[in-house]
């Protein structure tokens, strides 16, 4: 029996160990259709979820069109501080909420009522 174990270990030593990259390459080839179906989802998230974060930088910079986003000086929370210290801050917040409430009261039910009216025809 020890001789059999020795033969098995010698045979195992002759089998080349696949690298991680060759395994990944084989998996990509074998499941290429699944990965192709995944591409639109990745493109969607990159375009509509990750892409807008680029514009978020403008809130923290003293943005100028001539300088662009990357060359504009960094100001941190200065713009936010000015906004919260503005005497019109609470009026702006109230107006925003009022616009949203009116939108919910008048604009939201309108298509539903129209659909119900068209359904009666």
Foldseek 3Di string as FASTA:
>chain_A
DVVVVVVVVVVVVPDDDDDPVVVVVVVCVVPVVVVVVCVVVVVCCCVPPVVCVLVVQPCQFPDDPVLPSPRTHGRGCPSVVCLVPDPCNVVVVVVVVVVVVVCVVPVVCVVVVVVVVVVVD
